[in-house]
Protein backbone atom coordinates (compact mmCIF):
# COMPACT_ATOMS: atom_id res chain seq x y z
CA UNK A 1 -8.09 3.96 -11.12
CA UNK A 2 -5.48 5.24 -8.72
CA UNK A 3 -2.15 3.53 -8.04
CA UNK A 4 -3.44 2.48 -4.60
CA UNK A 5 -6.60 0.88 -6.02
CA UNK A 6 -4.62 -0.92 -8.71
CA UNK A 7 -2.19 -2.13 -6.04
CA UNK A 8 -5.03 -3.42 -3.87
CA UNK A 9 -6.56 -5.32 -6.79
CA UNK A 10 -3.19 -6.90 -7.62
CA UNK A 11 -2.66 -7.85 -3.97
CA UNK A 12 -6.07 -9.56 -3.83
CA UNK A 13 -5.06 -12.12 -6.43
CA UNK A 14 -5.62 -15.58 -4.88
CA UNK A 15 -2.01 -16.53 -5.70
CA UNK A 16 -0.77 -13.98 -3.15
CA UNK A 17 -1.03 -13.80 0.62
CA UNK A 18 -0.42 -10.23 1.78
CA UNK A 19 -0.57 -9.04 5.38
CA UNK A 20 -3.09 -6.32 6.12
CA UNK A 21 -0.50 -4.09 7.84
CA UNK A 22 2.02 -4.43 5.00
CA UNK A 23 -0.66 -3.63 2.45
CA UNK A 24 -1.94 -0.62 4.42
CA UNK A 25 1.53 0.95 4.60
CA UNK A 26 2.11 0.35 0.89
CA UNK A 27 -1.30 1.80 -0.03
CA UNK A 28 -0.40 4.97 1.87
CA UNK A 29 2.82 5.12 -0.15
CA UNK A 30 0.87 4.65 -3.39
CA UNK A 31 -1.44 7.52 -2.41
CA UNK A 32 1.55 9.75 -1.72
CA UNK A 33 3.06 8.93 -5.12
CA UNK A 34 -0.24 9.86 -6.81
CA UNK A 35 -0.39 13.10 -4.78
CA UNK A 36 3.12 13.94 -6.01
CA UNK A 37 2.04 13.12 -9.59
CA UNK A 38 -1.05 15.34 -9.26
CA UNK A 39 1.05 18.28 -8.03
CA UNK A 40 -0.67 18.22 -4.65
CA UNK A 41 2.59 17.73 -2.74
CA UNK A 42 6.34 17.91 -3.22
CA UNK A 43 9.11 16.38 -1.16
CA UNK A 44 11.70 18.40 0.70
CA UNK A 45 14.15 15.70 1.76
CA UNK A 46 11.96 13.31 3.73
CA UNK A 47 9.23 15.91 4.40
CA UNK A 48 5.90 16.13 2.57
CA UNK A 49 5.20 19.73 1.55
CA UNK A 50 1.67 20.59 0.29
CA UNK A 51 2.09 22.22 -3.10
CA UNK A 52 -1.16 23.86 -4.10
CA UNK A 53 -4.81 22.84 -4.29
CA UNK A 54 -5.07 19.52 -6.14
CA UNK A 55 -7.79 18.51 -8.56
CA UNK A 56 -8.56 14.96 -7.50
CA UNK A 57 -11.46 12.93 -8.86
CA UNK A 58 -11.05 10.01 -6.45
CA UNK A 59 -12.75 10.22 -3.01
CA UNK A 60 -9.96 8.37 -1.18
CA UNK A 61 -7.32 10.58 -2.77
CA UNK A 62 -9.26 13.68 -1.66
CA UNK A 63 -9.32 12.24 1.88
CA UNK A 64 -5.57 11.67 1.70
CA UNK A 65 -4.96 15.25 0.52
CA UNK A 66 -7.24 16.63 3.23
CA UNK A 67 -5.15 14.80 5.84
CA UNK A 68 -1.87 16.47 4.88
CA UNK A 69 0.01 18.49 7.49
CA UNK A 70 0.00 22.02 6.10
CA UNK A 71 2.26 23.76 8.61
CA UNK A 72 6.03 23.63 8.97
CA UNK A 73 7.78 21.50 10.00
CA UNK A 74 5.93 19.30 7.56
CA UNK A 75 5.28 15.61 8.17
CA UNK A 76 7.97 13.06 7.45
CA UNK A 77 7.15 10.39 4.84
CA UNK A 78 7.54 7.60 7.39
CA UNK A 79 5.15 9.30 9.82
CA UNK A 80 2.62 9.79 7.01
CA UNK A 81 2.77 6.08 6.12
CA UNK A 82 2.07 4.97 9.69
CA UNK A 83 -0.66 7.59 10.29
CA UNK A 84 -2.46 7.41 6.95
CA UNK A 85 -1.84 3.67 6.64
CA UNK A 86 -3.73 2.80 9.82
CA UNK A 87 -6.39 0.29 8.62
CA UNK A 88 -6.14 1.71 5.09
CA UNK A 89 -6.48 -1.73 3.48
CA UNK A 90 -9.94 -2.12 5.07
CA UNK A 91 -10.91 1.32 3.72
CA UNK A 92 -9.85 0.32 0.20
CA UNK A 93 -11.60 -3.05 0.48
CA UNK A 94 -14.88 -1.32 1.39
CA UNK A 95 -14.49 1.24 -1.43
CA UNK A 96 -13.75 -1.43 -4.06
CA UNK A 97 -16.63 -3.61 -2.85
CA UNK A 98 -18.90 -0.58 -3.19
CA UNK A 99 -17.60 0.01 -6.72
CA UNK A 100 -18.29 -3.64 -7.64
CA UNK A 101 -14.59 -4.43 -8.11
CA UNK A 102 -14.48 -7.05 -5.31
CA UNK A 103 -16.76 -9.91 -4.41
CA UNK A 104 -16.72 -12.31 -1.44
CA UNK A 105 -15.55 -15.86 -1.92
CA UNK A 106 -15.85 -18.25 1.01
CA UNK A 107 -13.48 -20.97 -0.18
CA UNK A 108 -9.69 -20.95 -0.25
CA UNK A 109 -7.19 -19.02 1.84
CA UNK A 110 -8.45 -16.12 3.91
CA UNK A 111 -6.95 -12.67 3.38
CA UNK A 112 -9.01 -10.52 5.74
CA UNK A 113 -11.79 -11.56 8.08
CA UNK A 114 -13.93 -14.66 7.81
CA UNK A 115 -14.31 -14.60 4.04
CA UNK A 116 -11.84 -13.94 1.31
CA UNK A 117 -12.50 -11.22 -1.22
CA UNK A 118 -11.48 -11.59 -4.81
CA UNK A 119 -11.34 -9.16 -7.72
CA UNK A 120 -14.23 -9.24 -10.16
CA UNK A 121 -13.10 -9.72 -13.76
CA UNK A 122 -13.75 -6.14 -14.87
CA UNK A 123 -11.93 -3.84 -17.25
CA UNK A 124 -10.45 -2.06 -14.17
CA UNK A 125 -9.08 -5.39 -12.90
CA UNK A 126 -7.52 -6.19 -16.27
CA UNK A 127 -6.06 -2.65 -16.48
CA UNK A 128 -4.54 -3.02 -12.99
CA UNK A 129 -2.86 -6.29 -13.99
CA UNK A 130 -1.54 -4.74 -17.22
CA UNK A 131 -0.34 -1.65 -15.39
CA UNK A 132 1.45 -3.83 -12.84
CA UNK A 133 3.40 -5.45 -15.64
CA UNK A 134 4.09 -2.26 -17.58
CA UNK A 135 4.59 0.46 -14.98
CA UNK A 136 7.77 0.46 -12.85
CA UNK A 137 6.15 2.40 -9.96
CA UNK A 138 3.31 -0.08 -9.44
CA UNK A 139 5.66 -3.03 -9.91
CA UNK A 140 8.06 -1.59 -7.30
CA UNK A 141 5.26 -1.11 -4.76
CA UNK A 142 3.92 -4.61 -5.44
CA UNK A 143 7.36 -6.11 -4.90
CA UNK A 144 7.56 -4.45 -1.46
CA UNK A 145 4.63 -6.60 -0.31
CA UNK A 146 5.98 -9.72 -2.00
CA UNK A 147 3.69 -9.65 -4.98
CA UNK A 148 5.87 -10.56 -7.93
CA UNK A 149 4.68 -8.84 -11.07
CA UNK A 150 6.30 -10.38 -14.14
CA UNK A 151 8.43 -7.81 -15.95
CA UNK A 152 11.08 -8.12 -18.62
CA UNK A 153 14.73 -7.54 -17.73
CA UNK A 154 15.22 -4.61 -20.10
CA UNK A 155 12.32 -2.51 -18.79
CA UNK A 156 13.24 0.83 -17.22
CA UNK A 157 13.31 1.29 -13.46
CA UNK A 158 12.13 4.26 -11.42
CA UNK A 159 13.41 7.53 -12.89
CA UNK A 160 11.79 10.04 -10.51
CA UNK A 161 13.77 10.89 -7.37
CA UNK A 162 10.69 11.68 -5.27
CA UNK A 163 9.01 8.40 -6.23
CA UNK A 164 12.21 6.46 -5.56
CA UNK A 165 12.38 8.07 -2.10
CA UNK A 166 8.78 7.13 -1.28
CA UNK A 167 9.23 3.52 -2.42
CA UNK A 168 12.42 3.22 -0.31
CA UNK A 169 10.64 4.58 2.80
CA UNK A 170 7.69 2.24 2.20
CA UNK A 171 10.11 -0.69 1.97
CA UNK A 172 11.77 0.33 5.26
CA UNK A 173 8.40 0.71 7.01
CA UNK A 174 7.27 -2.76 5.89
CA UNK A 175 10.59 -4.22 7.10
CA UNK A 176 10.11 -2.43 10.44
CA UNK A 177 6.62 -3.90 10.78
CA UNK A 178 8.02 -7.38 10.09
CA UNK A 179 10.72 -6.85 12.74
CA UNK A 180 8.02 -5.88 15.26
CA UNK A 181 6.06 -9.04 14.38
CA UNK A 182 9.12 -11.24 14.85
CA UNK A 183 10.00 -9.58 18.17
CA UNK A 184 6.46 -10.14 19.46
CA UNK A 185 6.52 -13.77 18.35
CA UNK A 186 9.79 -14.30 20.24
CA UNK A 187 8.37 -12.58 23.34
CA UNK A 188 5.21 -14.72 23.21
CA UNK A 189 7.27 -17.89 22.85
CA UNK A 190 9.49 -16.89 25.78
CA UNK A 191 6.45 -16.08 27.92
CA UNK A 192 4.86 -19.44 27.06
CA UNK A 193 8.10 -21.22 28.02
CA UNK A 194 8.14 -19.46 31.41
CA UNK A 195 4.63 -20.69 32.16
CA UNK A 196 5.39 -24.16 30.89
CA UNK A 197 8.45 -24.42 33.12
CA UNK A 198 11.55 -26.57 32.69
């Protein structure tokens, strides 16, 4: 499983309530981290530089690699997150349903749409949960979307500069999305007050 798929499975846990936009941005960041790990891209400051033809087994990762900007000036990480992240959570939900990793459940809180999806208890689901506890990268991405993965205090943090950069930009993008949400809520409330009158 890829980092993005593991992250999606962790985020689908019924204990968590994750916004679709936040998750989509973070999934795009997870894809970028896996592309860096596969040698498909490198970072030059905040730019994503394609770095040779990757060998990628996962269909969604191949789609991500195919969408890279291959001419200078290369795409900024933040721009990649917003472009690639557009509705990416729905894409991952469909792929994991197709793989039998998710199943609909009509009771409880709704995550997306009219029915809530939940992870099937498969070996991939158990591996994702274990990886979330053991791997700093996945834990850092999960924490960006407010999914607390229990880790011990003495475990190492991120030790790769490129990965640290991506996680920081993902965090900033999620905060920016939250600021947009709050601004819109304030504008809607002000508009409603104007119509309501004194």
